Amino acid sequence: MGPDELGWVRGEIDLTRANPARMYDYFLGGTQNFPVDRELADAAIALRPELPRAARLNRAFLGRAVRYAVDLGLRQFLDLGSGIPTEANVHEVAHAADRRCRIAYVDAEPVAVAHSHRLLAGHPRVSVTQADLRDVSTVLAADGVRAQLDFSQPIALLLVAVLHFLPDEDEPAEVVRRYAERLAPGSLVAISHVTTDNLPPEWRSVAGLYQRSATPIHPRPKADVLAMFGELPLVPPGLVDAVDWLPDRGQPALAVSGFYAGAARKP
């Protein structure tokens, strides 16, 4: 996508620095990215060629978490840091299981939001909101979120591949806690988070490359990711590598993805 195709994007787009949401889109084979994104993404791939595969493995966790929530009886989804739509979006997975599911997407990245609006026009059970997930009150009061979700009923809160963009000073565990306290009993909180635990040193170099992007990345050890669930009880198998979280039947054993993943149920 080139700068001349940006007429449909509301707000200013910084084309001087790579954006992680657009880099992730590139890793997944999407087209909603720019030369500056591809340049940094290719530099990361040169260090760790398996990065696109890791992105797909994390995406697969998202799909399994959505299906798990539907199996629990949940029909409402709040997807924070939803990113640029690609295949197997939350609404596609959820609606394949039950057309009654309602989804509220929230992202701060203008290209992600604009493309989501274009893709989802005419979907009455899906909304898209541009907001910073750290501003909990604004997100929960947004028209699109309120139009889709009934907070007196259980909701699946999805924080997939987003909390590692919050530095420690933003207190990501506290951000999660503030959302969780607004959820009804029976709600589900699903998180995936980048880590360098048990990975070669080259992965730390990849994290260093992200310091050149608009939003640096902050890999965290297992204990720190676990703390983001607070006192919510995790469902089996707990916090594990994304490939090991309720893998599909018959799925072959895979190497580590570089993401911790887990889900907790609010009592």
C-alpha atoms as a PDB file:
ATOM      1  CA  MET A   1       0.000   0.000   0.000  1.00  0.00           C
ATOM      2  CA  GLY A   2       1.363   3.403  -0.950  1.00  0.00           C
ATOM      3  CA  PRO A   3       0.825   6.908   0.473  1.00  0.00           C
ATOM      4  CA  ASP A   4      -1.479   7.787  -2.433  1.00  0.00           C
ATOM      5  CA  GLU A   5      -3.976   5.195  -1.153  1.00  0.00           C
ATOM      6  CA  LEU A   6      -4.470   6.837   2.224  1.00  0.00           C
ATOM      7  CA  GLY A   7      -7.513   8.934   1.384  1.00  0.00           C
ATOM      8  CA  TRP A   8      -9.779   6.547   3.294  1.00  0.00           C
ATOM      9  CA  VAL A   9      -7.734   6.850   6.508  1.00  0.00           C
ATOM     10  CA  ARG A  10      -8.925   9.370   9.051  1.00  0.00           C
ATOM     11  CA  GLY A  11      -6.256  11.115  11.097  1.00  0.00           C
ATOM     12  CA  GLU A  12      -2.547  11.556  10.525  1.00  0.00           C
ATOM     13  CA  ILE A  13      -0.351   8.614   9.540  1.00  0.00           C
ATOM     14  CA  ASP A  14       3.323   8.751  10.454  1.00  0.00           C
ATOM     15  CA  LEU A  15       5.155   7.237   7.486  1.00  0.00           C
ATOM     16  CA  THR A  16       8.598   8.018   8.896  1.00  0.00           C
ATOM     17  CA  ARG A  17       8.597   5.264  11.540  1.00  0.00           C
ATOM     18  CA  ALA A  18       7.540   1.642  11.370  1.00  0.00           C
ATOM     19  CA  ASN A  19       4.369   0.721  13.212  1.00  0.00           C
ATOM     20  CA  PRO A  20       4.198  -2.670  14.985  1.00  0.00           C
ATOM     21  CA  ALA A  21       0.551  -3.268  14.003  1.00  0.00           C
ATOM     22  CA  ARG A  22       1.444  -2.822  10.342  1.00  0.00           C
ATOM     23  CA  MET A  23       4.592  -4.938  10.769  1.00  0.00           C
ATOM     24  CA  TYR A  24       2.439  -7.704  12.273  1.00  0.00           C
ATOM     25  CA  ASP A  25       0.129  -7.414   9.279  1.00  0.00           C
ATOM     26  CA  TYR A  26       3.173  -7.879   7.042  1.00  0.00           C
ATOM     27  CA  PHE A  27       4.316 -10.937   9.020  1.00  0.00           C
ATOM     28  CA  LEU A  28       0.853 -12.444   8.496  1.00  0.00           C
ATOM     29  CA  GLY A  29       0.984 -11.788   4.754  1.00  0.00           C
ATOM     30  CA  GLY A  30      -1.317  -8.752   4.776  1.00  0.00           C
ATOM     31  CA  THR A  31      -1.170  -5.716   2.512  1.00  0.00           C
ATOM     32  CA  GLN A  32      -2.034  -2.864   4.909  1.00  0.00           C
ATOM     33  CA  ASN A  33       1.573  -1.824   5.504  1.00  0.00           C
ATOM     34  CA  PHE A  34       4.093   0.640   4.091  1.00  0.00           C
ATOM     35  CA  PRO A  35       7.737   0.559   2.959  1.00  0.00           C
ATOM     36  CA  VAL A  36       8.952   1.797   6.350  1.00  0.00           C
ATOM     37  CA  ASP A  37       7.114  -1.091   8.041  1.00  0.00           C
ATOM     38  CA  ARG A  38       8.405  -3.686   5.605  1.00  0.00           C
ATOM     39  CA  GLU A  39      11.989  -2.433   5.922  1.00  0.00           C
ATOM     40  CA  LEU A  40      12.079  -2.917   9.680  1.00  0.00           C
ATOM     41  CA  ALA A  41      10.099  -6.171   9.487  1.00  0.00           C
ATOM     42  CA  ASP A  42      12.545  -7.563   6.920  1.00  0.00           C
ATOM     43  CA  ALA A  43      15.453  -6.589   9.169  1.00  0.00           C
ATOM     44  CA  ALA A  44      13.809  -8.534  11.993  1.00  0.00           C
ATOM     45  CA  ILE A  45      13.192 -11.526   9.710  1.00  0.00           C
ATOM     46  CA  ALA A  46      16.850 -11.449   8.683  1.00  0.00           C
ATOM     47  CA  LEU A  47      17.734 -11.972  12.338  1.00  0.00           C
ATOM     48  CA  ARG A  48      15.013 -14.553  13.013  1.00  0.00           C
ATOM     49  CA  PRO A  49      13.494 -16.046   9.834  1.00  0.00           C
ATOM     50  CA  GLU A  50      10.807 -17.814  11.909  1.00  0.00           C
ATOM     51  CA  LEU A  51       9.121 -14.517  12.905  1.00  0.00           C
ATOM     52  CA  PRO A  52       6.239 -14.817  10.391  1.00  0.00           C
ATOM     53  CA  ARG A  53       5.611 -18.345  11.660  1.00  0.00           C
ATOM     54  CA  ALA A  54       5.582 -17.090  15.258  1.00  0.00           C
ATOM     55  CA  ALA A  55       2.982 -14.466  14.293  1.00  0.00           C
ATOM     56  CA  ARG A  56       0.802 -17.159  12.720  1.00  0.00           C
ATOM     57  CA  LEU A  57       1.110 -19.361  15.803  1.00  0.00           C
ATOM     58  CA  ASN A  58      -0.028 -16.483  17.990  1.00  0.00           C
ATOM     59  CA  ARG A  59      -2.893 -15.824  15.585  1.00  0.00           C
ATOM     60  CA  ALA A  60      -3.913 -19.465  15.895  1.00  0.00           C
ATOM     61  CA  PHE A  61      -4.064 -19.071  19.677  1.00  0.00           C
ATOM     62  CA  LEU A  62      -6.510 -16.193  19.194  1.00  0.00           C
ATOM     63  CA  GLY A  63      -8.801 -18.408  17.161  1.00  0.00           C
ATOM     64  CA  ARG A  64      -8.698 -21.212  19.731  1.00  0.00           C
ATOM     65  CA  ALA A  65      -9.407 -18.750  22.556  1.00  0.00           C
ATOM     66  CA  VAL A  66     -12.467 -17.438  20.715  1.00  0.00           C
ATOM     67  CA  ARG A  67     -13.799 -20.937  20.084  1.00  0.00           C
ATOM     68  CA  TYR A  68     -13.159 -21.845  23.720  1.00  0.00           C
ATOM     69  CA  ALA A  69     -15.144 -18.796  24.865  1.00  0.00           C
ATOM     70  CA  VAL A  70     -18.045 -19.741  22.609  1.00  0.00           C
ATOM     71  CA  ASP A  71     -17.949 -23.287  23.961  1.00  0.00           C
ATOM     72  CA  LEU A  72     -18.252 -21.796  27.453  1.00  0.00           C
ATOM     73  CA  GLY A  73     -21.429 -20.033  26.351  1.00  0.00           C
ATOM     74  CA  LEU A  74     -19.983 -16.546  25.909  1.00  0.00           C
ATOM     75  CA  ARG A  75     -21.406 -14.512  23.049  1.00  0.00           C
ATOM     76  CA  GLN A  76     -19.694 -11.144  23.619  1.00  0.00           C
ATOM     77  CA  PHE A  77     -16.106 -10.221  22.773  1.00  0.00           C
ATOM     78  CA  LEU A  78     -14.043  -7.116  23.555  1.00  0.00           C
ATOM     79  CA  ASP A  79     -10.874  -7.274  21.458  1.00  0.00           C
ATOM     80  CA  LEU A  80      -8.328  -4.687  22.636  1.00  0.00           C
ATOM     81  CA  GLY A  81      -5.463  -3.927  20.290  1.00  0.00           C
ATOM     82  CA  SER A  82      -7.381  -5.767  17.579  1.00  0.00           C
ATOM     83  CA  GLY A  83      -4.942  -4.733  14.855  1.00  0.00           C
ATOM     84  CA  ILE A  84      -5.352  -4.770  11.110  1.00  0.00           C
ATOM     85  CA  PRO A  85      -7.956  -7.298   9.976  1.00  0.00           C
ATOM     86  CA  THR A  86      -6.599 -10.373   8.270  1.00  0.00           C
ATOM     87  CA  GLU A  87      -7.987 -13.880   7.885  1.00  0.00           C
ATOM     88  CA  ALA A  88      -9.540 -15.618  10.893  1.00  0.00           C
ATOM     89  CA  ASN A  89     -10.648 -12.412  12.596  1.00  0.00           C
ATOM     90  CA  VAL A  90     -12.473 -12.675  15.913  1.00  0.00           C
ATOM     91  CA  HIS A  91     -15.879 -12.015  14.354  1.00  0.00           C
ATOM     92  CA  GLU A  92     -15.279 -14.628  11.650  1.00  0.00           C
ATOM     93  CA  VAL A  93     -14.318 -17.319  14.146  1.00  0.00           C
ATOM     94  CA  ALA A  94     -17.093 -16.400  16.567  1.00  0.00           C
ATOM     95  CA  HIS A  95     -19.808 -16.118  13.925  1.00  0.00           C
ATOM     96  CA  ALA A  96     -18.795 -19.445  12.419  1.00  0.00           C
ATOM     97  CA  ALA A  97     -19.750 -20.936  15.793  1.00  0.00           C
ATOM     98  CA  ASP A  98     -22.774 -18.742  16.562  1.00  0.00           C
ATOM     99  CA  ARG A  99     -24.107 -15.862  14.483  1.00  0.00           C
ATOM    100  CA  ARG A 100     -25.481 -14.209  17.630  1.00  0.00           C
ATOM    101  CA  CYS A 101     -21.988 -13.299  18.866  1.00  0.00           C
ATOM    102  CA  ARG A 102     -21.260  -9.594  19.239  1.00  0.00           C
ATOM    103  CA  ILE A 103     -17.764  -8.166  18.870  1.00  0.00           C
ATOM    104  CA  ALA A 104     -16.313  -4.778  19.801  1.00  0.00           C
ATOM    105  CA  TYR A 105     -12.900  -4.130  18.264  1.00  0.00           C
ATOM    106  CA  VAL A 106     -10.668  -1.425  19.769  1.00  0.00           C
ATOM    107  CA  ASP A 107      -7.339  -0.179  18.423  1.00  0.00           C
ATOM    108  CA  ALA A 108      -5.346   3.040  18.481  1.00  0.00           C
ATOM    109  CA  GLU A 109      -3.644   2.637  15.092  1.00  0.00           C
ATOM    110  CA  PRO A 110      -5.428   4.711  12.386  1.00  0.00           C
ATOM    111  CA  VAL A 111      -4.763   2.283   9.520  1.00  0.00           C
ATOM    112  CA  ALA A 112      -6.053  -0.641  11.590  1.00  0.00           C
ATOM    113  CA  VAL A 113      -9.216   1.246  12.501  1.00  0.00           C
ATOM    114  CA  ALA A 114      -9.841   2.631   9.015  1.00  0.00           C
ATOM    115  CA  HIS A 115      -9.363  -0.722   7.327  1.00  0.00           C
ATOM    116  CA  SER A 116     -11.574  -2.381   9.928  1.00  0.00           C
ATOM    117  CA  HIS A 117     -14.343   0.120   9.197  1.00  0.00           C
ATOM    118  CA  ARG A 118     -14.078  -0.643   5.476  1.00  0.00           C
ATOM    119  CA  LEU A 119     -14.052  -4.387   5.966  1.00  0.00           C
ATOM    120  CA  LEU A 120     -16.834  -4.499   8.543  1.00  0.00           C
ATOM    121  CA  ALA A 121     -19.315  -2.092   6.998  1.00  0.00           C
ATOM    122  CA  GLY A 122     -22.725  -3.720   7.127  1.00  0.00           C
ATOM    123  CA  HIS A 123     -21.925  -6.041  10.053  1.00  0.00           C
ATOM    124  CA  PRO A 124     -24.560  -5.087  12.649  1.00  0.00           C
ATOM    125  CA  ARG A 125     -23.046  -7.243  15.387  1.00  0.00           C
ATOM    126  CA  VAL A 126     -19.522  -5.799  15.065  1.00  0.00           C
ATOM    127  CA  SER A 127     -18.142  -2.360  15.964  1.00  0.00           C
ATOM    128  CA  VAL A 128     -14.758  -0.669  15.622  1.00  0.00           C
ATOM    129  CA  THR A 129     -13.500   2.001  18.020  1.00  0.00           C
ATOM    130  CA  GLN A 130     -10.312   4.042  17.822  1.00  0.00           C
ATOM    131  CA  ALA A 131      -8.996   4.419  21.362  1.00  0.00           C
ATOM    132  CA  ASP A 132      -5.935   3.774  23.506  1.00  0.00           C
ATOM    133  CA  LEU A 133      -6.535   0.669  25.618  1.00  0.00           C
ATOM    134  CA  ARG A 134      -4.741   2.337  28.537  1.00  0.00           C
ATOM    135  CA  ASP A 135      -7.635   4.801  28.770  1.00  0.00           C
ATOM    136  CA  VAL A 136      -9.991   2.266  30.305  1.00  0.00           C
ATOM    137  CA  SER A 137     -12.840   4.679  31.036  1.00  0.00           C
ATOM    138  CA  THR A 138     -12.862   6.027  27.480  1.00  0.00           C
ATOM    139  CA  VAL A 139     -12.827   2.540  25.963  1.00  0.00           C
ATOM    140  CA  LEU A 140     -15.660   1.246  28.124  1.00  0.00           C
ATOM    141  CA  ALA A 141     -17.773   4.349  27.510  1.00  0.00           C
ATOM    142  CA  ALA A 142     -17.236   4.373  23.732  1.00  0.00           C
ATOM    143  CA  ASP A 143     -20.406   4.268  21.663  1.00  0.00           C
ATOM    144  CA  GLY A 144     -19.244   1.279  19.619  1.00  0.00           C
ATOM    145  CA  VAL A 145     -18.384  -0.740  22.716  1.00  0.00           C
ATOM    146  CA  ARG A 146     -21.621   0.114  24.493  1.00  0.00           C
ATOM    147  CA  ALA A 147     -23.677  -0.589  21.382  1.00  0.00           C
ATOM    148  CA  GLN A 148     -22.396  -4.160  21.173  1.00  0.00           C
ATOM    149  CA  LEU A 149     -21.707  -5.280  24.725  1.00  0.00           C
ATOM    150  CA  ASP A 150     -23.882  -5.764  27.792  1.00  0.00           C
ATOM    151  CA  PHE A 151     -21.525  -5.596  30.766  1.00  0.00           C
ATOM    152  CA  SER A 152     -24.094  -7.227  33.035  1.00  0.00           C
ATOM    153  CA  GLN A 153     -23.443 -10.443  31.074  1.00  0.00           C
ATOM    154  CA  PRO A 154     -20.178 -12.385  30.624  1.00  0.00           C
ATOM    155  CA  ILE A 155     -17.697 -11.047  28.076  1.00  0.00           C
ATOM    156  CA  ALA A 156     -14.539 -12.508  26.584  1.00  0.00           C
ATOM    157  CA  LEU A 157     -11.814  -9.874  26.971  1.00  0.00           C
ATOM    158  CA  LEU A 158      -9.047 -10.440  24.435  1.00  0.00           C
ATOM    159  CA  LEU A 159      -5.599  -8.915  24.973  1.00  0.00           C
ATOM    160  CA  VAL A 160      -3.661 -10.818  22.346  1.00  0.00           C
ATOM    161  CA  ALA A 161      -0.176  -9.645  21.360  1.00  0.00           C
ATOM    162  CA  VAL A 162      -0.752  -6.131  22.708  1.00  0.00           C
ATOM    163  CA  LEU A 163       0.346  -5.818  26.346  1.00  0.00           C
ATOM    164  CA  HIS A 164       4.020  -6.147  25.420  1.00  0.00           C
ATOM    165  CA  PHE A 165       3.726  -2.704  23.843  1.00  0.00           C
ATOM    166  CA  LEU A 166       3.021  -1.202  27.271  1.00  0.00           C
ATOM    167  CA  PRO A 167       6.165  -0.283  29.224  1.00  0.00           C
ATOM    168  CA  ASP A 168       6.383  -1.082  32.919  1.00  0.00           C
ATOM    169  CA  GLU A 169       5.516   2.503  33.844  1.00  0.00           C
ATOM    170  CA  ASP A 170       2.104   2.012  32.216  1.00  0.00           C
ATOM    171  CA  GLU A 171       1.449  -0.815  34.684  1.00  0.00           C
ATOM    172  CA  PRO A 172      -0.063  -3.347  32.266  1.00  0.00           C
ATOM    173  CA  ALA A 173      -1.226  -5.601  35.117  1.00  0.00           C
ATOM    174  CA  GLU A 174      -3.175  -2.701  36.577  1.00  0.00           C
ATOM    175  CA  VAL A 175      -4.709  -1.951  33.174  1.00  0.00           C
ATOM    176  CA  VAL A 176      -5.926  -5.549  32.931  1.00  0.00           C
ATOM    177  CA  ARG A 177      -7.254  -5.406  36.496  1.00  0.00           C
ATOM    178  CA  ARG A 178      -9.308  -2.300  35.735  1.00  0.00           C
ATOM    179  CA  TYR A 179     -10.963  -3.991  32.783  1.00  0.00           C
ATOM    180  CA  ALA A 180     -11.497  -7.233  34.673  1.00  0.00           C
ATOM    181  CA  GLU A 181     -13.236  -5.518  37.575  1.00  0.00           C
ATOM    182  CA  ARG A 182     -15.878  -4.247  35.158  1.00  0.00           C
ATOM    183  CA  LEU A 183     -16.614  -7.704  33.776  1.00  0.00           C
ATOM    184  CA  ALA A 184     -19.496  -9.858  34.958  1.00  0.00           C
ATOM    185  CA  PRO A 185     -18.851 -13.222  36.668  1.00  0.00           C
ATOM    186  CA  GLY A 186     -18.222 -15.945  34.124  1.00  0.00           C
ATOM    187  CA  SER A 187     -16.231 -13.626  31.856  1.00  0.00           C
ATOM    188  CA  LEU A 188     -12.980 -14.779  30.283  1.00  0.00           C
ATOM    189  CA  VAL A 189      -9.696 -12.859  30.033  1.00  0.00           C
ATOM    190  CA  ALA A 190      -7.303 -14.160  27.341  1.00  0.00           C
ATOM    191  CA  ILE A 191      -3.751 -12.839  27.045  1.00  0.00           C
ATOM    192  CA  SER A 192      -0.765 -13.548  24.840  1.00  0.00           C
ATOM    193  CA  HIS A 193       2.541 -11.770  25.350  1.00  0.00           C
ATOM    194  CA  VAL A 194       5.977 -11.815  23.738  1.00  0.00           C
ATOM    195  CA  THR A 195       8.799 -13.351  25.766  1.00  0.00           C
ATOM    196  CA  THR A 196      12.458 -14.195  25.263  1.00  0.00           C
ATOM    197  CA  ASP A 197      12.363 -16.974  27.869  1.00  0.00           C
ATOM    198  CA  ASN A 198      14.016 -20.141  26.561  1.00  0.00           C
ATOM    199  CA  LEU A 199      14.894 -18.477  23.257  1.00  0.00           C
ATOM    200  CA  PRO A 200      18.273 -17.830  21.600  1.00  0.00           C
ATOM    201  CA  PRO A 201      19.964 -14.454  22.225  1.00  0.00           C
ATOM    202  CA  GLU A 202      19.099 -13.339  18.684  1.00  0.00           C
ATOM    203  CA  TRP A 203      15.497 -12.821  19.823  1.00  0.00           C
ATOM    204  CA  ARG A 204      16.692 -10.030  22.099  1.00  0.00           C
ATOM    205  CA  SER A 205      18.197  -8.370  19.034  1.00  0.00           C
ATOM    206  CA  VAL A 206      14.772  -8.496  17.374  1.00  0.00           C
ATOM    207  CA  ALA A 207      13.270  -6.773  20.405  1.00  0.00           C
ATOM    208  CA  GLY A 208      15.996  -4.167  20.066  1.00  0.00           C
ATOM    209  CA  LEU A 209      14.957  -3.467  16.473  1.00  0.00           C
ATOM    210  CA  TYR A 210      11.479  -2.563  17.720  1.00  0.00           C
ATOM    211  CA  GLN A 211      13.026   0.336  19.617  1.00  0.00           C
ATOM    212  CA  ARG A 212      13.220   2.004  16.203  1.00  0.00           C
ATOM    213  CA  SER A 213       9.467   1.641  15.695  1.00  0.00           C
ATOM    214  CA  ALA A 214       6.704   3.975  16.812  1.00  0.00           C
ATOM    215  CA  THR A 215       5.916   1.598  19.683  1.00  0.00           C
ATOM    216  CA  PRO A 216       8.826  -0.295  21.275  1.00  0.00           C
ATOM    217  CA  ILE A 217       8.250  -3.840  22.434  1.00  0.00           C
ATOM    218  CA  HIS A 218       8.811  -5.129  25.973  1.00  0.00           C
ATOM    219  CA  PRO A 219       9.304  -8.917  26.193  1.00  0.00           C
ATOM    220  CA  ARG A 220       8.608 -10.217  29.698  1.00  0.00           C
ATOM    221  CA  PRO A 221       9.375 -13.367  31.684  1.00  0.00           C
ATOM    222  CA  LYS A 222       6.647 -15.800  32.662  1.00  0.00           C
ATOM    223  CA  ALA A 223       6.205 -14.442  36.184  1.00  0.00           C
ATOM    224  CA  ASP A 224       5.485 -10.951  34.881  1.00  0.00           C
ATOM    225  CA  VAL A 225       2.945 -12.190  32.337  1.00  0.00           C
ATOM    226  CA  LEU A 226       1.297 -14.374  34.962  1.00  0.00           C
ATOM    227  CA  ALA A 227       0.939 -11.319  37.210  1.00  0.00           C
ATOM    228  CA  MET A 228      -1.237  -9.663  34.558  1.00  0.00           C
ATOM    229  CA  PHE A 229      -4.048 -12.081  35.418  1.00  0.00           C
ATOM    230  CA  GLY A 230      -4.006 -10.848  39.012  1.00  0.00           C
ATOM    231  CA  GLU A 231      -6.113 -13.097  41.206  1.00  0.00           C
ATOM    232  CA  LEU A 232      -8.211 -14.479  38.362  1.00  0.00           C
ATOM    233  CA  PRO A 233      -7.940 -18.279  38.248  1.00  0.00           C
ATOM    234  CA  LEU A 234      -6.391 -19.565  35.045  1.00  0.00           C
ATOM    235  CA  VAL A 235      -8.132 -22.300  33.121  1.00  0.00           C
ATOM    236  CA  PRO A 236      -6.086 -25.394  32.188  1.00  0.00           C
ATOM    237  CA  PRO A 237      -3.413 -25.642  30.894  1.00  0.00           C
ATOM    238  CA  GLY A 238      -2.486 -22.352  32.599  1.00  0.00           C
ATOM    239  CA  LEU A 239       0.097 -19.968  31.164  1.00  0.00           C
ATOM    240  CA  VAL A 240       2.081 -21.820  28.507  1.00  0.00           C
ATOM    241  CA  ASP A 241       3.676 -21.278  25.135  1.00  0.00           C
ATOM    242  CA  ALA A 242       0.978 -20.284  22.648  1.00  0.00           C
ATOM    243  CA  VAL A 243       1.388 -23.536  20.703  1.00  0.00           C
ATOM    244  CA  ASP A 244       0.609 -25.532  23.845  1.00  0.00           C
ATOM    245  CA  TRP A 245      -2.608 -23.748  24.834  1.00  0.00           C
ATOM    246  CA  LEU A 246      -5.410 -26.193  24.012  1.00  0.00           C
ATOM    247  CA  PRO A 247      -3.848 -27.269  20.696  1.00  0.00           C
ATOM    248  CA  ASP A 248      -6.171 -28.623  18.067  1.00  0.00           C
ATOM    249  CA  ARG A 249      -6.580 -32.385  18.111  1.00  0.00           C
ATOM    250  CA  GLY A 250      -3.947 -34.050  15.985  1.00  0.00           C
ATOM    251  CA  GLN A 251      -1.749 -30.940  15.881  1.00  0.00           C
ATOM    252  CA  PRO A 252       1.892 -32.015  15.679  1.00  0.00           C
ATOM    253  CA  ALA A 253       4.361 -31.001  18.364  1.00  0.00           C
ATOM    254  CA  LEU A 254       5.862 -27.604  17.567  1.00  0.00           C
ATOM    255  CA  ALA A 255       8.801 -25.577  18.775  1.00  0.00           C
ATOM    256  CA  VAL A 256       8.269 -22.564  21.010  1.00  0.00           C
ATOM    257  CA  SER A 257       6.470 -19.581  19.488  1.00  0.00           C
ATOM    258  CA  GLY A 258       7.977 -16.804  21.586  1.00  0.00           C
ATOM    259  CA  PHE A 259       4.558 -15.985  23.058  1.00  0.00           C
ATOM    260  CA  TYR A 260       3.161 -16.907  26.443  1.00  0.00           C
ATOM    261  CA  ALA A 261      -0.585 -17.479  26.284  1.00  0.00           C
ATOM    262  CA  GLY A 262      -3.310 -18.172  28.801  1.00  0.00           C
ATOM    263  CA  ALA A 263      -6.858 -17.452  29.831  1.00  0.00           C
ATOM    264  CA  ALA A 264      -8.592 -16.910  33.169  1.00  0.00           C
ATOM    265  CA  ARG A 265     -12.256 -17.102  34.173  1.00  0.00           C
ATOM    266  CA  LYS A 266     -13.763 -14.528  36.489  1.00  0.00           C
ATOM    267  CA  PRO A 267     -15.536 -16.296  39.387  1.00  0.00           C
END
